[in-house]
Amino acid sequence: MSTIIEDNPQLKDAIKFLTDMELLGEDVLSDKHQLVELDRKRNANREALRKLKQKPEKAKQKEWLCFGDMFIQMPTDRVTRKLTEDQEEIEKEIRTIQDNLKPKVAKLHQMEGE
């Protein structure tokens, strides 16, 4: 079967084109999935920050924070600062993925003939 493909340059080009289009489509889907996961993290951080800000001042002593598989008790201001830093990092990652996704989607549309 490989000789049929090798003997026919048009078929070889078509298979390469379809393979490239499939790989690009998978890359776009992967980026979109990553955006969804980052959005979930961003919303969880936003909820946590909101809860910390709504807490009465006398209750703001220490909070529990989950790092991987560990829970650590830290002062509320440090937890708030850490969540804010994480939020900024997540926003940065989202912008980077979105900026890289636009040309990929445009190229995919071009390949599809749209």
PDB file of N, CA and C in Angstrom:
ATOM      1  N   MET A   1       0.829  -1.195   0.000  1.00  0.00           N
ATOM      2  CA  MET A   1       0.000   0.000   0.000  1.00  0.00           C
ATOM      3  C   MET A   1       0.865   1.247   0.000  1.00  0.00           C
ATOM      4  N   SER A   2       2.001   1.187   0.661  1.00  0.00           N
ATOM      5  CA  SER A   2       2.864   2.361   0.690  1.00  0.00           C
ATOM      6  C   SER A   2       3.384   2.696  -0.701  1.00  0.00           C
ATOM      7  N   THR A   3       3.498   1.718  -1.560  1.00  0.00           N
ATOM      8  CA  THR A   3       3.951   2.012  -2.928  1.00  0.00           C
ATOM      9  C   THR A   3       2.899   2.783  -3.699  1.00  0.00           C
ATOM     10  N   ILE A   4       1.610   2.550  -3.402  1.00  0.00           N
ATOM     11  CA  ILE A   4       0.542   3.295  -4.077  1.00  0.00           C
ATOM     12  C   ILE A   4       0.644   4.776  -3.705  1.00  0.00           C
ATOM     13  N   ILE A   5       0.885   5.031  -2.442  1.00  0.00           N
ATOM     14  CA  ILE A   5       1.002   6.410  -1.975  1.00  0.00           C
ATOM     15  C   ILE A   5       2.264   7.048  -2.540  1.00  0.00           C
ATOM     16  N   GLU A   6       3.365   6.315  -2.507  1.00  0.00           N
ATOM     17  CA  GLU A   6       4.629   6.860  -3.007  1.00  0.00           C
ATOM     18  C   GLU A   6       4.581   7.092  -4.512  1.00  0.00           C
ATOM     19  N   ASP A   7       3.830   6.276  -5.233  1.00  0.00           N
ATOM     20  CA  ASP A   7       3.738   6.421  -6.680  1.00  0.00           C
ATOM     21  C   ASP A   7       2.817   7.567  -7.104  1.00  0.00           C
ATOM     22  N   ASN A   8       1.948   7.988  -6.223  1.00  0.00           N
ATOM     23  CA  ASN A   8       0.982   9.031  -6.555  1.00  0.00           C
ATOM     24  C   ASN A   8       1.268  10.278  -5.714  1.00  0.00           C
ATOM     25  N   PRO A   9       1.945  11.280  -6.260  1.00  0.00           N
ATOM     26  CA  PRO A   9       2.288  12.471  -5.478  1.00  0.00           C
ATOM     27  C   PRO A   9       1.051  13.264  -5.017  1.00  0.00           C
ATOM     28  N   GLN A  10      -0.025  13.243  -5.795  1.00  0.00           N
ATOM     29  CA  GLN A  10      -1.242  13.956  -5.378  1.00  0.00           C
ATOM     30  C   GLN A  10      -1.838  13.308  -4.128  1.00  0.00           C
ATOM     31  N   LEU A  11      -1.852  11.999  -4.089  1.00  0.00           N
ATOM     32  CA  LEU A  11      -2.376  11.281  -2.930  1.00  0.00           C
ATOM     33  C   LEU A  11      -1.488  11.520  -1.716  1.00  0.00           C
ATOM     34  N   LYS A  12      -0.187  11.530  -1.947  1.00  0.00           N
ATOM     35  CA  LYS A  12       0.760  11.783  -0.867  1.00  0.00           C
ATOM     36  C   LYS A  12       0.556  13.183  -0.288  1.00  0.00           C
ATOM     37  N   ASP A  13       0.375  14.178  -1.171  1.00  0.00           N
ATOM     38  CA  ASP A  13       0.122  15.548  -0.719  1.00  0.00           C
ATOM     39  C   ASP A  13      -1.197  15.660   0.035  1.00  0.00           C
ATOM     40  N   ALA A  14      -2.213  14.954  -0.452  1.00  0.00           N
ATOM     41  CA  ALA A  14      -3.530  14.990   0.209  1.00  0.00           C
ATOM     42  C   ALA A  14      -3.449  14.392   1.602  1.00  0.00           C
ATOM     43  N   ILE A  15      -2.750  13.284   1.737  1.00  0.00           N
ATOM     44  CA  ILE A  15      -2.615  12.647   3.056  1.00  0.00           C
ATOM     45  C   ILE A  15      -1.836  13.559   3.997  1.00  0.00           C
ATOM     46  N   LYS A  16      -0.777  14.186   3.507  1.00  0.00           N
ATOM     47  CA  LYS A  16      -0.002  15.111   4.343  1.00  0.00           C
ATOM     48  C   LYS A  16      -0.872  16.292   4.765  1.00  0.00           C
ATOM     49  N   PHE A  17      -1.662  16.833   3.836  1.00  0.00           N
ATOM     50  CA  PHE A  17      -2.536  17.960   4.136  1.00  0.00           C
ATOM     51  C   PHE A  17      -3.559  17.584   5.208  1.00  0.00           C
ATOM     52  N   LEU A  18      -4.182  16.438   5.054  1.00  0.00           N
ATOM     53  CA  LEU A  18      -5.183  15.993   6.037  1.00  0.00           C
ATOM     54  C   LEU A  18      -4.546  15.717   7.398  1.00  0.00           C
ATOM     55  N   THR A  19      -3.350  15.157   7.381  1.00  0.00           N
ATOM     56  CA  THR A  19      -2.641  14.900   8.642  1.00  0.00           C
ATOM     57  C   THR A  19      -2.314  16.213   9.342  1.00  0.00           C
ATOM     58  N   ASP A  20      -1.812  17.182   8.592  1.00  0.00           N
ATOM     59  CA  ASP A  20      -1.502  18.492   9.173  1.00  0.00           C
ATOM     60  C   ASP A  20      -2.751  19.164   9.731  1.00  0.00           C
ATOM     61  N   MET A  21      -3.860  19.058   8.997  1.00  0.00           N
ATOM     62  CA  MET A  21      -5.107  19.658   9.444  1.00  0.00           C
ATOM     63  C   MET A  21      -5.604  18.970  10.722  1.00  0.00           C
ATOM     64  N   GLU A  22      -5.485  17.671  10.790  1.00  0.00           N
ATOM     65  CA  GLU A  22      -5.906  16.921  11.984  1.00  0.00           C
ATOM     66  C   GLU A  22      -5.051  17.304  13.196  1.00  0.00           C
ATOM     67  N   LEU A  23      -3.747  17.413  13.003  1.00  0.00           N
ATOM     68  CA  LEU A  23      -2.857  17.801  14.102  1.00  0.00           C
ATOM     69  C   LEU A  23      -3.161  19.213  14.588  1.00  0.00           C
ATOM     70  N   LEU A  24      -3.410  20.113  13.668  1.00  0.00           N
ATOM     71  CA  LEU A  24      -3.758  21.481  14.038  1.00  0.00           C
ATOM     72  C   LEU A  24      -5.094  21.519  14.781  1.00  0.00           C
ATOM     73  N   GLY A  25      -6.061  20.729  14.327  1.00  0.00           N
ATOM     74  CA  GLY A  25      -7.353  20.648  15.013  1.00  0.00           C
ATOM     75  C   GLY A  25      -7.212  20.116  16.428  1.00  0.00           C
ATOM     76  N   GLU A  26      -6.373  19.107  16.605  1.00  0.00           N
ATOM     77  CA  GLU A  26      -6.132  18.561  17.946  1.00  0.00           C
ATOM     78  C   GLU A  26      -5.458  19.599  18.841  1.00  0.00           C
ATOM     79  N   ASP A  27      -4.542  20.369  18.262  1.00  0.00           N
ATOM     80  CA  ASP A  27      -3.862  21.418  19.019  1.00  0.00           C
ATOM     81  C   ASP A  27      -4.850  22.497  19.465  1.00  0.00           C
ATOM     82  N   VAL A  28      -5.768  22.872  18.587  1.00  0.00           N
ATOM     83  CA  VAL A  28      -6.791  23.869  18.922  1.00  0.00           C
ATOM     84  C   VAL A  28      -7.689  23.339  20.045  1.00  0.00           C
ATOM     85  N   LEU A  29      -8.116  22.090  19.937  1.00  0.00           N
ATOM     86  CA  LEU A  29      -8.962  21.507  20.985  1.00  0.00           C
ATOM     87  C   LEU A  29      -8.230  21.425  22.318  1.00  0.00           C
ATOM     88  N   SER A  30      -6.960  21.083  22.270  1.00  0.00           N
ATOM     89  CA  SER A  30      -6.157  21.015  23.484  1.00  0.00           C
ATOM     90  C   SER A  30      -6.062  22.388  24.146  1.00  0.00           C
ATOM     91  N   ASP A  31      -5.823  23.423  23.349  1.00  0.00           N
ATOM     92  CA  ASP A  31      -5.759  24.780  23.893  1.00  0.00           C
ATOM     93  C   ASP A  31      -7.095  25.202  24.498  1.00  0.00           C
ATOM     94  N   LYS A  32      -8.187  24.871  23.827  1.00  0.00           N
ATOM     95  CA  LYS A  32      -9.509  25.230  24.356  1.00  0.00           C
ATOM     96  C   LYS A  32      -9.795  24.505  25.671  1.00  0.00           C
ATOM     97  N   HIS A  33      -9.380  23.250  25.746  1.00  0.00           N
ATOM     98  CA  HIS A  33      -9.552  22.497  26.994  1.00  0.00           C
ATOM     99  C   HIS A  33      -8.728  23.134  28.112  1.00  0.00           C
ATOM    100  N   GLN A  34      -7.521  23.545  27.787  1.00  0.00           N
ATOM    101  CA  GLN A  34      -6.669  24.194  28.770  1.00  0.00           C
ATOM    102  C   GLN A  34      -7.286  25.510  29.236  1.00  0.00           C
ATOM    103  N   LEU A  35      -7.919  26.248  28.323  1.00  0.00           N
ATOM    104  CA  LEU A  35      -8.607  27.491  28.700  1.00  0.00           C
ATOM    105  C   LEU A  35      -9.750  27.224  29.672  1.00  0.00           C
ATOM    106  N   VAL A  36     -10.494  26.148  29.441  1.00  0.00           N
ATOM    107  CA  VAL A  36     -11.599  25.799  30.336  1.00  0.00           C
ATOM    108  C   VAL A  36     -11.065  25.477  31.735  1.00  0.00           C
ATOM    109  N   GLU A  37      -9.982  24.708  31.806  1.00  0.00           N
ATOM    110  CA  GLU A  37      -9.401  24.356  33.108  1.00  0.00           C
ATOM    111  C   GLU A  37      -8.865  25.585  33.839  1.00  0.00           C
ATOM    112  N   LEU A  38      -8.201  26.468  33.108  1.00  0.00           N
ATOM    113  CA  LEU A  38      -7.705  27.694  33.730  1.00  0.00           C
ATOM    114  C   LEU A  38      -8.844  28.589  34.193  1.00  0.00           C
ATOM    115  N   ASP A  39      -9.940  28.608  33.453  1.00  0.00           N
ATOM    116  CA  ASP A  39     -11.098  29.398  33.849  1.00  0.00           C
ATOM    117  C   ASP A  39     -11.704  28.851  35.145  1.00  0.00           C
ATOM    118  N   ARG A  40     -11.724  27.538  35.274  1.00  0.00           N
ATOM    119  CA  ARG A  40     -12.210  26.939  36.526  1.00  0.00           C
ATOM    120  C   ARG A  40     -11.345  27.360  37.706  1.00  0.00           C
ATOM    121  N   LYS A  41     -10.025  27.322  37.512  1.00  0.00           N
ATOM    122  CA  LYS A  41      -9.114  27.744  38.585  1.00  0.00           C
ATOM    123  C   LYS A  41      -9.320  29.217  38.910  1.00  0.00           C
ATOM    124  N   ARG A  42      -9.474  30.026  37.879  1.00  0.00           N
ATOM    125  CA  ARG A  42      -9.671  31.460  38.080  1.00  0.00           C
ATOM    126  C   ARG A  42     -10.943  31.718  38.884  1.00  0.00           C
ATOM    127  N   ASN A  43     -12.016  31.014  38.557  1.00  0.00           N
ATOM    128  CA  ASN A  43     -13.272  31.191  39.291  1.00  0.00           C
ATOM    129  C   ASN A  43     -13.147  30.717  40.732  1.00  0.00           C
ATOM    130  N   ALA A  44     -12.444  29.608  40.969  1.00  0.00           N
ATOM    131  CA  ALA A  44     -12.247  29.123  42.335  1.00  0.00           C
ATOM    132  C   ALA A  44     -11.445  30.135  43.151  1.00  0.00           C
ATOM    133  N   ASN A  45     -10.405  30.701  42.556  1.00  0.00           N
ATOM    134  CA  ASN A  45      -9.618  31.728  43.247  1.00  0.00           C
ATOM    135  C   ASN A  45     -10.460  32.957  43.547  1.00  0.00           C
ATOM    136  N   ARG A  46     -11.276  33.348  42.577  1.00  0.00           N
ATOM    137  CA  ARG A  46     -12.133  34.522  42.757  1.00  0.00           C
ATOM    138  C   ARG A  46     -13.104  34.291  43.918  1.00  0.00           C
ATOM    139  N   GLU A  47     -13.682  33.093  43.976  1.00  0.00           N
ATOM    140  CA  GLU A  47     -14.601  32.765  45.074  1.00  0.00           C
ATOM    141  C   GLU A  47     -13.879  32.809  46.418  1.00  0.00           C
ATOM    142  N   ALA A  48     -12.677  32.249  46.468  1.00  0.00           N
ATOM    143  CA  ALA A  48     -11.917  32.239  47.718  1.00  0.00           C
ATOM    144  C   ALA A  48     -11.568  33.654  48.160  1.00  0.00           C
ATOM    145  N   LEU A  49     -11.125  34.480  47.228  1.00  0.00           N
ATOM    146  CA  LEU A  49     -10.799  35.869  47.576  1.00  0.00           C
ATOM    147  C   LEU A  49     -12.026  36.621  48.080  1.00  0.00           C
ATOM    148  N   ARG A  50     -13.159  36.384  47.453  1.00  0.00           N
ATOM    149  CA  ARG A  50     -14.390  37.047  47.877  1.00  0.00           C
ATOM    150  C   ARG A  50     -14.790  36.624  49.295  1.00  0.00           C
ATOM    151  N   LYS A  51     -14.672  35.330  49.578  1.00  0.00           N
ATOM    152  CA  LYS A  51     -15.004  34.839  50.926  1.00  0.00           C
ATOM    153  C   LYS A  51     -14.077  35.443  51.969  1.00  0.00           C
ATOM    154  N   LEU A  52     -12.790  35.549  51.642  1.00  0.00           N
ATOM    155  CA  LEU A  52     -11.845  36.129  52.594  1.00  0.00           C
ATOM    156  C   LEU A  52     -12.145  37.604  52.844  1.00  0.00           C
ATOM    157  N   LYS A  53     -12.554  38.331  51.813  1.00  0.00           N
ATOM    158  CA  LYS A  53     -12.858  39.756  51.979  1.00  0.00           C
ATOM    159  C   LYS A  53     -14.148  39.974  52.755  1.00  0.00           C
ATOM    160  N   GLN A  54     -15.077  39.012  52.690  1.00  0.00           N
ATOM    161  CA  GLN A  54     -16.359  39.145  53.385  1.00  0.00           C
ATOM    162  C   GLN A  54     -16.262  38.754  54.854  1.00  0.00           C
ATOM    163  N   LYS A  55     -15.171  38.106  55.243  1.00  0.00           N
ATOM    164  CA  LYS A  55     -15.015  37.651  56.623  1.00  0.00           C
ATOM    165  C   LYS A  55     -14.895  38.840  57.575  1.00  0.00           C
ATOM    166  N   PRO A  56     -15.523  38.749  58.750  1.00  0.00           N
ATOM    167  CA  PRO A  56     -15.378  39.834  59.731  1.00  0.00           C
ATOM    168  C   PRO A  56     -13.907  40.006  60.133  1.00  0.00           C
ATOM    169  N   GLU A  57     -13.543  41.214  60.460  1.00  0.00           N
ATOM    170  CA  GLU A  57     -12.139  41.538  60.760  1.00  0.00           C
ATOM    171  C   GLU A  57     -11.589  40.715  61.927  1.00  0.00           C
ATOM    172  N   LYS A  58     -12.391  40.479  62.954  1.00  0.00           N
ATOM    173  CA  LYS A  58     -11.890  39.724  64.114  1.00  0.00           C
ATOM    174  C   LYS A  58     -11.684  38.241  63.791  1.00  0.00           C
ATOM    175  N   ALA A  59     -12.323  37.760  62.748  1.00  0.00           N
ATOM    176  CA  ALA A  59     -12.154  36.352  62.375  1.00  0.00           C
ATOM    177  C   ALA A  59     -10.965  36.149  61.438  1.00  0.00           C
ATOM    178  N   LYS A  60     -10.330  37.230  61.011  1.00  0.00           N
ATOM    179  CA  LYS A  60      -9.223  37.131  60.056  1.00  0.00           C
ATOM    180  C   LYS A  60      -7.905  36.895  60.788  1.00  0.00           C
ATOM    181  N   GLN A  61      -7.732  35.730  61.306  1.00  0.00           N
ATOM    182  CA  GLN A  61      -6.485  35.376  61.978  1.00  0.00           C
ATOM    183  C   GLN A  61      -5.610  34.555  61.047  1.00  0.00           C
ATOM    184  N   LYS A  62      -6.004  33.299  60.874  1.00  0.00           N
ATOM    185  CA  LYS A  62      -5.278  32.391  59.993  1.00  0.00           C
ATOM    186  C   LYS A  62      -6.277  31.588  59.177  1.00  0.00           C
ATOM    187  N   GLU A  63      -5.831  31.199  58.009  1.00  0.00           N
ATOM    188  CA  GLU A  63      -6.663  30.411  57.105  1.00  0.00           C
ATOM    189  C   GLU A  63      -5.893  29.179  56.665  1.00  0.00           C
ATOM    190  N   TRP A  64      -6.655  28.149  56.302  1.00  0.00           N
ATOM    191  CA  TRP A  64      -6.045  26.942  55.756  1.00  0.00           C
ATOM    192  C   TRP A  64      -5.932  27.090  54.245  1.00  0.00           C
ATOM    193  N   LEU A  65      -4.784  26.705  53.723  1.00  0.00           N
ATOM    194  CA  LEU A  65      -4.531  26.805  52.286  1.00  0.00           C
ATOM    195  C   LEU A  65      -4.020  25.459  51.796  1.00  0.00           C
ATOM    196  N   CYS A  66      -4.532  25.011  50.674  1.00  0.00           N
ATOM    197  CA  CYS A  66      -4.142  23.716  50.114  1.00  0.00           C
ATOM    198  C   CYS A  66      -3.053  23.923  49.061  1.00  0.00           C
ATOM    199  N   PHE A  67      -1.901  23.304  49.284  1.00  0.00           N
ATOM    200  CA  PHE A  67      -0.794  23.288  48.316  1.00  0.00           C
ATOM    201  C   PHE A  67      -0.591  21.856  47.883  1.00  0.00           C
ATOM    202  N   GLY A  68      -1.089  21.516  46.688  1.00  0.00           N
ATOM    203  CA  GLY A  68      -0.955  20.137  46.207  1.00  0.00           C
ATOM    204  C   GLY A  68      -1.745  19.192  47.084  1.00  0.00           C
ATOM    205  N   ASP A  69      -1.044  18.368  47.847  1.00  0.00           N
ATOM    206  CA  ASP A  69      -1.715  17.417  48.736  1.00  0.00           C
ATOM    207  C   ASP A  69      -1.498  17.770  50.203  1.00  0.00           C
ATOM    208  N   MET A  70      -1.076  19.015  50.474  1.00  0.00           N
ATOM    209  CA  MET A  70      -0.843  19.454  51.852  1.00  0.00           C
ATOM    210  C   MET A  70      -1.756  20.632  52.191  1.00  0.00           C
ATOM    211  N   PHE A  71      -2.158  20.697  53.446  1.00  0.00           N
ATOM    212  CA  PHE A  71      -2.886  21.852  53.945  1.00  0.00           C
ATOM    213  C   PHE A  71      -1.971  22.597  54.899  1.00  0.00           C
ATOM    214  N   ILE A  72      -1.887  23.920  54.720  1.00  0.00           N
ATOM    215  CA  ILE A  72      -1.021  24.752  55.540  1.00  0.00           C
ATOM    216  C   ILE A  72      -1.849  25.893  56.095  1.00  0.00           C
ATOM    217  N   GLN A  73      -1.653  26.166  57.374  1.00  0.00           N
ATOM    218  CA  GLN A  73      -2.353  27.290  57.988  1.00  0.00           C
ATOM    219  C   GLN A  73      -1.444  28.519  57.906  1.00  0.00           C
ATOM    220  N   MET A  74      -1.995  29.588  57.316  1.00  0.00           N
ATOM    221  CA  MET A  74      -1.223  30.812  57.105  1.00  0.00           C
ATOM    222  C   MET A  74      -2.060  32.011  57.509  1.00  0.00           C
ATOM    223  N   PRO A  75      -1.397  33.138  57.799  1.00  0.00           N
ATOM    224  CA  PRO A  75      -2.154  34.361  58.092  1.00  0.00           C
ATOM    225  C   PRO A  75      -3.011  34.765  56.887  1.00  0.00           C
ATOM    226  N   THR A  76      -4.150  35.333  57.180  1.00  0.00           N
ATOM    227  CA  THR A  76      -5.117  35.677  56.143  1.00  0.00           C
ATOM    228  C   THR A  76      -4.531  36.608  55.086  1.00  0.00           C
ATOM    229  N   ASP A  77      -3.731  37.579  55.496  1.00  0.00           N
ATOM    230  CA  ASP A  77      -3.172  38.511  54.509  1.00  0.00           C
ATOM    231  C   ASP A  77      -2.211  37.812  53.541  1.00  0.00           C
ATOM    232  N   ARG A  78      -1.464  36.834  54.026  1.00  0.00           N
ATOM    233  CA  ARG A  78      -0.562  36.081  53.137  1.00  0.00           C
ATOM    234  C   ARG A  78      -1.359  35.189  52.190  1.00  0.00           C
ATOM    235  N   VAL A  79      -2.451  34.604  52.693  1.00  0.00           N
ATOM    236  CA  VAL A  79      -3.307  33.769  51.834  1.00  0.00           C
ATOM    237  C   VAL A  79      -3.918  34.632  50.729  1.00  0.00           C
ATOM    238  N   THR A  80      -4.397  35.807  51.106  1.00  0.00           N
ATOM    239  CA  THR A  80      -4.983  36.720  50.131  1.00  0.00           C
ATOM    240  C   THR A  80      -3.948  37.126  49.083  1.00  0.00           C
ATOM    241  N   ARG A  81      -2.742  37.440  49.533  1.00  0.00           N
ATOM    242  CA  ARG A  81      -1.672  37.827  48.614  1.00  0.00           C
ATOM    243  C   ARG A  81      -1.323  36.674  47.667  1.00  0.00           C
ATOM    244  N   LYS A  82      -1.240  35.456  48.202  1.00  0.00           N
ATOM    245  CA  LYS A  82      -0.922  34.279  47.384  1.00  0.00           C
ATOM    246  C   LYS A  82      -2.025  34.025  46.347  1.00  0.00           C
ATOM    247  N   LEU A  83      -3.279  34.111  46.761  1.00  0.00           N
ATOM    248  CA  LEU A  83      -4.389  33.919  45.819  1.00  0.00           C
ATOM    249  C   LEU A  83      -4.395  34.997  44.735  1.00  0.00           C
ATOM    250  N   THR A  84      -4.071  36.218  45.114  1.00  0.00           N
ATOM    251  CA  THR A  84      -4.012  37.307  44.137  1.00  0.00           C
ATOM    252  C   THR A  84      -2.885  37.069  43.134  1.00  0.00           C
ATOM    253  N   GLU A  85      -1.734  36.621  43.617  1.00  0.00           N
ATOM    254  CA  GLU A  85      -0.622  36.304  42.715  1.00  0.00           C
ATOM    255  C   GLU A  85      -1.002  35.164  41.769  1.00  0.00           C
ATOM    256  N   ASP A  86      -1.641  34.135  42.318  1.00  0.00           N
ATOM    257  CA  ASP A  86      -2.087  33.019  41.480  1.00  0.00           C
ATOM    258  C   ASP A  86      -3.078  33.498  40.424  1.00  0.00           C
ATOM    259  N   GLN A  87      -3.975  34.385  40.831  1.00  0.00           N
ATOM    260  CA  GLN A  87      -4.974  34.919  39.913  1.00  0.00           C
ATOM    261  C   GLN A  87      -4.300  35.662  38.756  1.00  0.00           C
ATOM    262  N   GLU A  88      -3.293  36.454  39.073  1.00  0.00           N
ATOM    263  CA  GLU A  88      -2.568  37.195  38.034  1.00  0.00           C
ATOM    264  C   GLU A  88      -1.843  36.241  37.088  1.00  0.00           C
ATOM    265  N   GLU A  89      -1.252  35.187  37.635  1.00  0.00           N
ATOM    266  CA  GLU A  89      -0.546  34.197  36.814  1.00  0.00           C
ATOM    267  C   GLU A  89      -1.523  33.452  35.888  1.00  0.00           C
ATOM    268  N   ILE A  90      -2.674  33.103  36.412  1.00  0.00           N
ATOM    269  CA  ILE A  90      -3.697  32.428  35.610  1.00  0.00           C
ATOM    270  C   ILE A  90      -4.169  33.348  34.481  1.00  0.00           C
ATOM    271  N   GLU A  91      -4.405  34.615  34.802  1.00  0.00           N
ATOM    272  CA  GLU A  91      -4.823  35.585  33.777  1.00  0.00           C
ATOM    273  C   GLU A  91      -3.773  35.695  32.677  1.00  0.00           C
ATOM    274  N   LYS A  92      -2.514  35.707  33.075  1.00  0.00           N
ATOM    275  CA  LYS A  92      -1.416  35.796  32.106  1.00  0.00           C
ATOM    276  C   LYS A  92      -1.394  34.565  31.194  1.00  0.00           C
ATOM    277  N   GLU A  93      -1.555  33.384  31.786  1.00  0.00           N
ATOM    278  CA  GLU A  93      -1.585  32.153  30.994  1.00  0.00           C
ATOM    279  C   GLU A  93      -2.766  32.145  30.024  1.00  0.00           C
ATOM    280  N   ILE A  94      -3.915  32.591  30.495  1.00  0.00           N
ATOM    281  CA  ILE A  94      -5.110  32.633  29.639  1.00  0.00           C
ATOM    282  C   ILE A  94      -4.874  33.560  28.447  1.00  0.00           C
ATOM    283  N   ARG A  95      -4.313  34.745  28.708  1.00  0.00           N
ATOM    284  CA  ARG A  95      -4.040  35.679  27.603  1.00  0.00           C
ATOM    285  C   ARG A  95      -3.054  35.082  26.601  1.00  0.00           C
ATOM    286  N   THR A  96      -2.024  34.408  27.098  1.00  0.00           N
ATOM    287  CA  THR A  96      -1.032  33.797  26.212  1.00  0.00           C
ATOM    288  C   THR A  96      -1.671  32.731  25.337  1.00  0.00           C
ATOM    289  N   ILE A  97      -2.479  31.872  25.930  1.00  0.00           N
ATOM    290  CA  ILE A  97      -3.139  30.810  25.159  1.00  0.00           C
ATOM    291  C   ILE A  97      -4.096  31.415  24.140  1.00  0.00           C
ATOM    292  N   GLN A  98      -4.867  32.427  24.551  1.00  0.00           N
ATOM    293  CA  GLN A  98      -5.803  33.059  23.627  1.00  0.00           C
ATOM    294  C   GLN A  98      -5.074  33.721  22.460  1.00  0.00           C
ATOM    295  N   ASP A  99      -3.953  34.371  22.752  1.00  0.00           N
ATOM    296  CA  ASP A  99      -3.188  35.014  21.680  1.00  0.00           C
ATOM    297  C   ASP A  99      -2.617  33.986  20.711  1.00  0.00           C
ATOM    298  N   ASN A 100      -2.191  32.838  21.225  1.00  0.00           N
ATOM    299  CA  ASN A 100      -1.646  31.782  20.366  1.00  0.00           C
ATOM    300  C   ASN A 100      -2.743  31.008  19.642  1.00  0.00           C
ATOM    301  N   LEU A 101      -3.942  31.011  20.208  1.00  0.00           N
ATOM    302  CA  LEU A 101      -5.045  30.250  19.634  1.00  0.00           C
ATOM    303  C   LEU A 101      -5.613  30.922  18.385  1.00  0.00           C
ATOM    304  N   LYS A 102      -5.643  32.239  18.374  1.00  0.00           N
ATOM    305  CA  LYS A 102      -6.227  32.968  17.239  1.00  0.00           C
ATOM    306  C   LYS A 102      -5.582  32.605  15.904  1.00  0.00           C
ATOM    307  N   PRO A 103      -4.240  32.619  15.785  1.00  0.00           N
ATOM    308  CA  PRO A 103      -3.650  32.249  14.488  1.00  0.00           C
ATOM    309  C   PRO A 103      -3.875  30.779  14.131  1.00  0.00           C
ATOM    310  N   LYS A 104      -3.922  29.920  15.141  1.00  0.00           N
ATOM    311  CA  LYS A 104      -4.162  28.497  14.871  1.00  0.00           C
ATOM    312  C   LYS A 104      -5.556  28.283  14.295  1.00  0.00           C
ATOM    313  N   VAL A 105      -6.536  28.947  14.891  1.00  0.00           N
ATOM    314  CA  VAL A 105      -7.919  28.821  14.401  1.00  0.00           C
ATOM    315  C   VAL A 105      -8.026  29.409  12.996  1.00  0.00           C
ATOM    316  N   ALA A 106      -7.371  30.542  12.770  1.00  0.00           N
ATOM    317  CA  ALA A 106      -7.408  31.161  11.430  1.00  0.00           C
ATOM    318  C   ALA A 106      -6.791  30.233  10.391  1.00  0.00           C
ATOM    319  N   LYS A 107      -5.673  29.605  10.747  1.00  0.00           N
ATOM    320  CA  LYS A 107      -5.029  28.685   9.814  1.00  0.00           C
ATOM    321  C   LYS A 107      -5.908  27.462   9.559  1.00  0.00           C
ATOM    322  N   LEU A 108      -6.558  26.969  10.615  1.00  0.00           N
ATOM    323  CA  LEU A 108      -7.454  25.826  10.462  1.00  0.00           C
ATOM    324  C   LEU A 108      -8.621  26.179   9.539  1.00  0.00           C
ATOM    325  N   HIS A 109      -9.191  27.363   9.719  1.00  0.00           N
ATOM    326  CA  HIS A 109     -10.281  27.806   8.835  1.00  0.00           C
ATOM    327  C   HIS A 109      -9.787  27.922   7.393  1.00  0.00           C
ATOM    328  N   GLN A 110      -8.573  28.440   7.232  1.00  0.00           N
ATOM    329  CA  GLN A 110      -8.001  28.567   5.899  1.00  0.00           C
ATOM    330  C   GLN A 110      -7.825  27.189   5.257  1.00  0.00           C
ATOM    331  N   MET A 111      -7.354  26.228   6.042  1.00  0.00           N
ATOM    332  CA  MET A 111      -7.144  24.885   5.525  1.00  0.00           C
ATOM    333  C   MET A 111      -8.464  24.214   5.151  1.00  0.00           C
ATOM    334  N   GLU A 112      -9.515  24.548   5.916  1.00  0.00           N
ATOM    335  CA  GLU A 112     -10.830  23.982   5.636  1.00  0.00           C
ATOM    336  C   GLU A 112     -11.494  24.662   4.452  1.00  0.00           C
ATOM    337  N   GLY A 113     -10.945  25.786   4.028  1.00  0.00           N
ATOM    338  CA  GLY A 113     -11.489  26.486   2.871  1.00  0.00           C
ATOM    339  C   GLY A 113     -12.604  27.442   3.218  1.00  0.00           C
ATOM    340  N   GLU A 114     -12.655  27.883   4.462  1.00  0.00           N
ATOM    341  CA  GLU A 114     -13.707  28.829   4.886  1.00  0.00           C
ATOM    342  C   GLU A 114     -13.257  30.247   4.738  1.00  0.00           C
TER     343      GLU A 114
END
